[in-house]
Amino acid sequence: MVSNTGQMGYLPSGGAIFCTIPDILYLPELVFGGLVWCLIASTYILPYNPQAYVIAVSIFCFVMTFLWMMIFACGSHHNKSSWAGADVAYHGFAAFLYLSVSVLLALLTIGFGLIEGGKDTLIYKLDVAAVVFSFFTTLLYFIHTIFSAIRWKSF
C-alpha cells in the first residue's frame, strides 16, 4: 500500500521505496526519461548541438536517477536529514534540466515542422512523441521534488 510522506524523520530503504509517495515515482521517471533518450537517439535533426544537449540531459538524469534509487534501495542513506535535502536538490535540478530540454525540443520540433512542411514524416512524429514524453518527465520530476520537500520539512 502506498503511504504518504507524513512519517516524521523517515527515509525509506529497501523495498519500502516502492511504497512511499515521492519514491514510487523513480520507476516512471526512469521509463519516460528512457523513452525520451531513445526517441531522440532515433531521430535526425539539424542542428546537432541542441540535440546533443537533449541527449546529454536525458542520459545524465537517467543514470543519476537510477543511482539515486539504488542508494535508497540499498539503505546507504542511514535516515539522515541531509539525504532528504539532497533528494529535494537533485530532483529540483533534474526538473529544471528537463524543463529546459522540453522547451528546446519543442522549439526544434516546431521549426522542423515549419521548414520541412511535411508533418507526416516519421522523424517529425518521433520528435513530437519525444516532446510529449519530455514534458511528462518534467512533471514527474517536479512532483517528486514537491513531495520530497514535504518529507524534508518533516525532519
C-alpha atoms as a PDB file:
ATOM      1  CA  MET A   1       0.000   0.000   0.000  1.00  0.00           C
ATOM      2  CA  VAL A   2       1.266   3.462  -0.831  1.00  0.00           C
ATOM      3  CA  SER A   3       1.849   5.657   2.191  1.00  0.00           C
ATOM      4  CA  ASN A   4       2.090   9.392   2.410  1.00  0.00           C
ATOM      5  CA  THR A   5       5.106  11.497   3.217  1.00  0.00           C
ATOM      6  CA  GLY A   6       3.864  12.389   6.674  1.00  0.00           C
ATOM      7  CA  GLN A   7       6.130   9.987   8.544  1.00  0.00           C
ATOM      8  CA  MET A   8       8.377  12.148  10.711  1.00  0.00           C
ATOM      9  CA  GLY A   9      12.096  11.689  10.133  1.00  0.00           C
ATOM     10  CA  TYR A  10      11.789   8.632   7.934  1.00  0.00           C
ATOM     11  CA  LEU A  11      13.573   7.886   4.683  1.00  0.00           C
ATOM     12  CA  PRO A  12      12.612   4.507   3.258  1.00  0.00           C
ATOM     13  CA  SER A  13      15.108   1.861   2.279  1.00  0.00           C
ATOM     14  CA  GLY A  14      14.894  -1.465   0.512  1.00  0.00           C
ATOM     15  CA  GLY A  15      11.560  -2.391  -0.997  1.00  0.00           C
ATOM     16  CA  ALA A  16       9.859   0.345   1.025  1.00  0.00           C
ATOM     17  CA  ILE A  17      10.963   2.887  -1.588  1.00  0.00           C
ATOM     18  CA  PHE A  18       8.288   1.464  -3.857  1.00  0.00           C
ATOM     19  CA  CYS A  19       5.613   2.136  -1.228  1.00  0.00           C
ATOM     20  CA  THR A  20       6.107   5.823  -0.403  1.00  0.00           C
ATOM     21  CA  ILE A  21       4.704   8.651  -2.461  1.00  0.00           C
ATOM     22  CA  PRO A  22       7.778  10.523  -3.689  1.00  0.00           C
ATOM     23  CA  ASP A  23       9.913   7.413  -4.125  1.00  0.00           C
ATOM     24  CA  ILE A  24       7.338   5.469  -6.101  1.00  0.00           C
ATOM     25  CA  LEU A  25       7.988   7.980  -8.908  1.00  0.00           C
ATOM     26  CA  TYR A  26      11.510   6.609  -9.542  1.00  0.00           C
ATOM     27  CA  LEU A  27      10.291   3.953 -11.962  1.00  0.00           C
ATOM     28  CA  PRO A  28       8.090   6.237 -14.109  1.00  0.00           C
ATOM     29  CA  GLU A  29      10.934   8.786 -14.209  1.00  0.00           C
ATOM     30  CA  LEU A  30      13.269   6.085 -15.493  1.00  0.00           C
ATOM     31  CA  VAL A  31      10.771   4.745 -18.030  1.00  0.00           C
ATOM     32  CA  PHE A  32       9.755   8.089 -19.519  1.00  0.00           C
ATOM     33  CA  GLY A  33      13.279   9.511 -19.334  1.00  0.00           C
ATOM     34  CA  GLY A  34      14.498   6.421 -21.188  1.00  0.00           C
ATOM     35  CA  LEU A  35      11.792   6.922 -23.798  1.00  0.00           C
ATOM     36  CA  VAL A  36      12.959  10.499 -24.384  1.00  0.00           C
ATOM     37  CA  TRP A  37      16.507   9.247 -24.710  1.00  0.00           C
ATOM     38  CA  CYS A  38      15.541   6.530 -27.208  1.00  0.00           C
ATOM     39  CA  LEU A  39      13.244   8.745 -29.278  1.00  0.00           C
ATOM     40  CA  ILE A  40      15.831  11.494 -29.649  1.00  0.00           C
ATOM     41  CA  ALA A  41      18.562   8.995 -30.434  1.00  0.00           C
ATOM     42  CA  SER A  42      16.446   7.580 -33.267  1.00  0.00           C
ATOM     43  CA  THR A  43      15.807  10.917 -34.998  1.00  0.00           C
ATOM     44  CA  TYR A  44      17.900  13.020 -37.319  1.00  0.00           C
ATOM     45  CA  ILE A  45      17.511  16.753 -36.973  1.00  0.00           C
ATOM     46  CA  LEU A  46      19.865  19.595 -37.667  1.00  0.00           C
ATOM     47  CA  PRO A  47      21.362  21.439 -35.798  1.00  0.00           C
ATOM     48  CA  TYR A  48      23.198  18.797 -33.841  1.00  0.00           C
ATOM     49  CA  ASN A  49      24.154  20.917 -30.850  1.00  0.00           C
ATOM     50  CA  PRO A  50      20.692  21.257 -29.258  1.00  0.00           C
ATOM     51  CA  GLN A  51      20.011  17.581 -29.885  1.00  0.00           C
ATOM     52  CA  ALA A  52      23.293  16.724 -28.158  1.00  0.00           C
ATOM     53  CA  TYR A  53      22.153  18.751 -25.142  1.00  0.00           C
ATOM     54  CA  VAL A  54      18.869  16.860 -25.050  1.00  0.00           C
ATOM     55  CA  ILE A  55      20.691  13.513 -25.218  1.00  0.00           C
ATOM     56  CA  ALA A  56      23.206  14.595 -22.548  1.00  0.00           C
ATOM     57  CA  VAL A  57      20.479  15.698 -20.125  1.00  0.00           C
ATOM     58  CA  SER A  58      18.368  12.598 -20.666  1.00  0.00           C
ATOM     59  CA  ILE A  59      21.351  10.263 -20.159  1.00  0.00           C
ATOM     60  CA  PHE A  60      22.554  12.211 -17.104  1.00  0.00           C
ATOM     61  CA  CYS A  61      19.118  12.176 -15.458  1.00  0.00           C
ATOM     62  CA  PHE A  62      18.536   8.518 -16.312  1.00  0.00           C
ATOM     63  CA  VAL A  63      21.853   7.399 -14.811  1.00  0.00           C
ATOM     64  CA  MET A  64      21.630   9.664 -11.750  1.00  0.00           C
ATOM     65  CA  THR A  65      18.027   8.674 -11.020  1.00  0.00           C
ATOM     66  CA  PHE A  66      18.981   5.016 -11.250  1.00  0.00           C
ATOM     67  CA  LEU A  67      21.955   5.536  -8.917  1.00  0.00           C
ATOM     68  CA  TRP A  68      19.819   7.617  -6.545  1.00  0.00           C
ATOM     69  CA  MET A  69      17.195   4.874  -6.474  1.00  0.00           C
ATOM     70  CA  MET A  70      19.891   2.261  -5.766  1.00  0.00           C
ATOM     71  CA  ILE A  71      21.278   4.358  -2.867  1.00  0.00           C
ATOM     72  CA  PHE A  72      17.829   4.419  -1.300  1.00  0.00           C
ATOM     73  CA  ALA A  73      17.122   0.762  -2.104  1.00  0.00           C
ATOM     74  CA  CYS A  74      20.396  -0.422  -0.553  1.00  0.00           C
ATOM     75  CA  GLY A  75      19.859   1.683   2.560  1.00  0.00           C
ATOM     76  CA  SER A  76      23.097   3.641   2.177  1.00  0.00           C
ATOM     77  CA  HIS A  77      21.488   6.874   3.303  1.00  0.00           C
ATOM     78  CA  HIS A  78      21.122   5.967   7.027  1.00  0.00           C
ATOM     79  CA  ASN A  79      17.939   8.056   7.554  1.00  0.00           C
ATOM     80  CA  LYS A  80      19.707  11.398   7.780  1.00  0.00           C
ATOM     81  CA  SER A  81      18.112  14.754   7.114  1.00  0.00           C
ATOM     82  CA  SER A  82      20.916  15.712   4.732  1.00  0.00           C
ATOM     83  CA  TRP A  83      19.855  12.902   2.389  1.00  0.00           C
ATOM     84  CA  ALA A  84      16.319  14.254   2.367  1.00  0.00           C
ATOM     85  CA  GLY A  85      17.661  17.705   1.432  1.00  0.00           C
ATOM     86  CA  ALA A  86      19.886  16.200  -1.251  1.00  0.00           C
ATOM     87  CA  ASP A  87      16.850  14.362  -2.633  1.00  0.00           C
ATOM     88  CA  VAL A  88      14.984  17.660  -2.968  1.00  0.00           C
ATOM     89  CA  ALA A  89      18.003  19.348  -4.553  1.00  0.00           C
ATOM     90  CA  TYR A  90      18.621  16.585  -7.082  1.00  0.00           C
ATOM     91  CA  HIS A  91      15.009  16.266  -8.198  1.00  0.00           C
ATOM     92  CA  GLY A  92      14.625  20.047  -8.407  1.00  0.00           C
ATOM     93  CA  PHE A  93      17.760  20.237 -10.553  1.00  0.00           C
ATOM     94  CA  ALA A  94      16.543  17.365 -12.742  1.00  0.00           C
ATOM     95  CA  ALA A  95      13.138  19.068 -13.155  1.00  0.00           C
ATOM     96  CA  PHE A  96      14.894  22.283 -14.223  1.00  0.00           C
ATOM     97  CA  LEU A  97      17.111  20.412 -16.706  1.00  0.00           C
ATOM     98  CA  TYR A  98      14.170  18.522 -18.193  1.00  0.00           C
ATOM     99  CA  LEU A  99      12.147  21.732 -18.463  1.00  0.00           C
ATOM    100  CA  SER A 100      14.965  23.346 -20.446  1.00  0.00           C
ATOM    101  CA  VAL A 101      15.199  20.232 -22.625  1.00  0.00           C
ATOM    102  CA  SER A 102      11.444  20.143 -23.188  1.00  0.00           C
ATOM    103  CA  VAL A 103      11.238  23.775 -24.274  1.00  0.00           C
ATOM    104  CA  LEU A 104      14.273  23.434 -26.542  1.00  0.00           C
ATOM    105  CA  LEU A 105      12.972  20.215 -28.062  1.00  0.00           C
ATOM    106  CA  ALA A 106       9.529  21.733 -28.649  1.00  0.00           C
ATOM    107  CA  LEU A 107      11.141  24.723 -30.370  1.00  0.00           C
ATOM    108  CA  LEU A 108      13.243  22.471 -32.599  1.00  0.00           C
ATOM    109  CA  THR A 109      10.255  20.281 -33.451  1.00  0.00           C
ATOM    110  CA  ILE A 110       8.090  23.256 -34.384  1.00  0.00           C
ATOM    111  CA  GLY A 111      10.919  24.627 -36.518  1.00  0.00           C
ATOM    112  CA  PHE A 112      11.405  21.257 -38.197  1.00  0.00           C
ATOM    113  CA  GLY A 113       7.686  21.022 -38.940  1.00  0.00           C
ATOM    114  CA  LEU A 114       7.637  24.503 -40.478  1.00  0.00           C
ATOM    115  CA  ILE A 115      10.804  24.037 -42.525  1.00  0.00           C
ATOM    116  CA  GLU A 116      10.055  20.569 -43.823  1.00  0.00           C
ATOM    117  CA  GLY A 117       6.364  21.219 -44.294  1.00  0.00           C
ATOM    118  CA  GLY A 118       5.622  17.517 -44.192  1.00  0.00           C
ATOM    119  CA  LYS A 119       4.132  16.725 -40.823  1.00  0.00           C
ATOM    120  CA  ASP A 120       3.512  13.142 -41.824  1.00  0.00           C
ATOM    121  CA  THR A 121       7.165  12.167 -41.704  1.00  0.00           C
ATOM    122  CA  LEU A 122       8.317   9.576 -39.212  1.00  0.00           C
ATOM    123  CA  ILE A 123      11.038  11.845 -37.814  1.00  0.00           C
ATOM    124  CA  TYR A 124       8.523  14.584 -37.066  1.00  0.00           C
ATOM    125  CA  LYS A 125       6.223  12.134 -35.291  1.00  0.00           C
ATOM    126  CA  LEU A 126       9.119  10.757 -33.237  1.00  0.00           C
ATOM    127  CA  ASP A 127      10.086  14.286 -32.237  1.00  0.00           C
ATOM    128  CA  VAL A 128       6.535  15.141 -31.214  1.00  0.00           C
ATOM    129  CA  ALA A 129       6.443  11.986 -29.086  1.00  0.00           C
ATOM    130  CA  ALA A 130       9.796  12.959 -27.532  1.00  0.00           C
ATOM    131  CA  VAL A 131       8.427  16.422 -26.694  1.00  0.00           C
ATOM    132  CA  VAL A 132       5.348  14.938 -25.028  1.00  0.00           C
ATOM    133  CA  PHE A 133       7.389  12.445 -23.022  1.00  0.00           C
ATOM    134  CA  SER A 134       9.943  15.079 -22.013  1.00  0.00           C
ATOM    135  CA  PHE A 135       7.219  17.378 -20.668  1.00  0.00           C
ATOM    136  CA  PHE A 136       5.663  14.433 -18.829  1.00  0.00           C
ATOM    137  CA  THR A 137       9.078  13.525 -17.367  1.00  0.00           C
ATOM    138  CA  THR A 138       9.478  17.148 -16.276  1.00  0.00           C
ATOM    139  CA  LEU A 139       6.143  16.907 -14.494  1.00  0.00           C
ATOM    140  CA  LEU A 140       7.190  13.677 -12.751  1.00  0.00           C
ATOM    141  CA  TYR A 141      10.447  15.226 -11.514  1.00  0.00           C
ATOM    142  CA  PHE A 142       8.583  18.340 -10.358  1.00  0.00           C
ATOM    143  CA  ILE A 143       6.019  16.290  -8.411  1.00  0.00           C
ATOM    144  CA  HIS A 144       8.831  14.245  -6.900  1.00  0.00           C
ATOM    145  CA  THR A 145      10.548  17.487  -5.844  1.00  0.00           C
ATOM    146  CA  ILE A 146       7.414  18.783  -4.130  1.00  0.00           C
ATOM    147  CA  PHE A 147       6.744  15.586  -2.198  1.00  0.00           C
ATOM    148  CA  SER A 148      10.427  15.250  -1.280  1.00  0.00           C
ATOM    149  CA  ALA A 149      10.367  18.824   0.032  1.00  0.00           C
ATOM    150  CA  ILE A 150       7.331  17.983   2.164  1.00  0.00           C
ATOM    151  CA  ARG A 151       9.192  14.967   3.539  1.00  0.00           C
ATOM    152  CA  TRP A 152      12.323  17.048   4.132  1.00  0.00           C
ATOM    153  CA  LYS A 153      10.313  19.613   6.121  1.00  0.00           C
ATOM    154  CA  SER A 154       9.073  16.827   8.409  1.00  0.00           C
ATOM    155  CA  PHE A 155      12.615  16.141   9.685  1.00  0.00           C
END
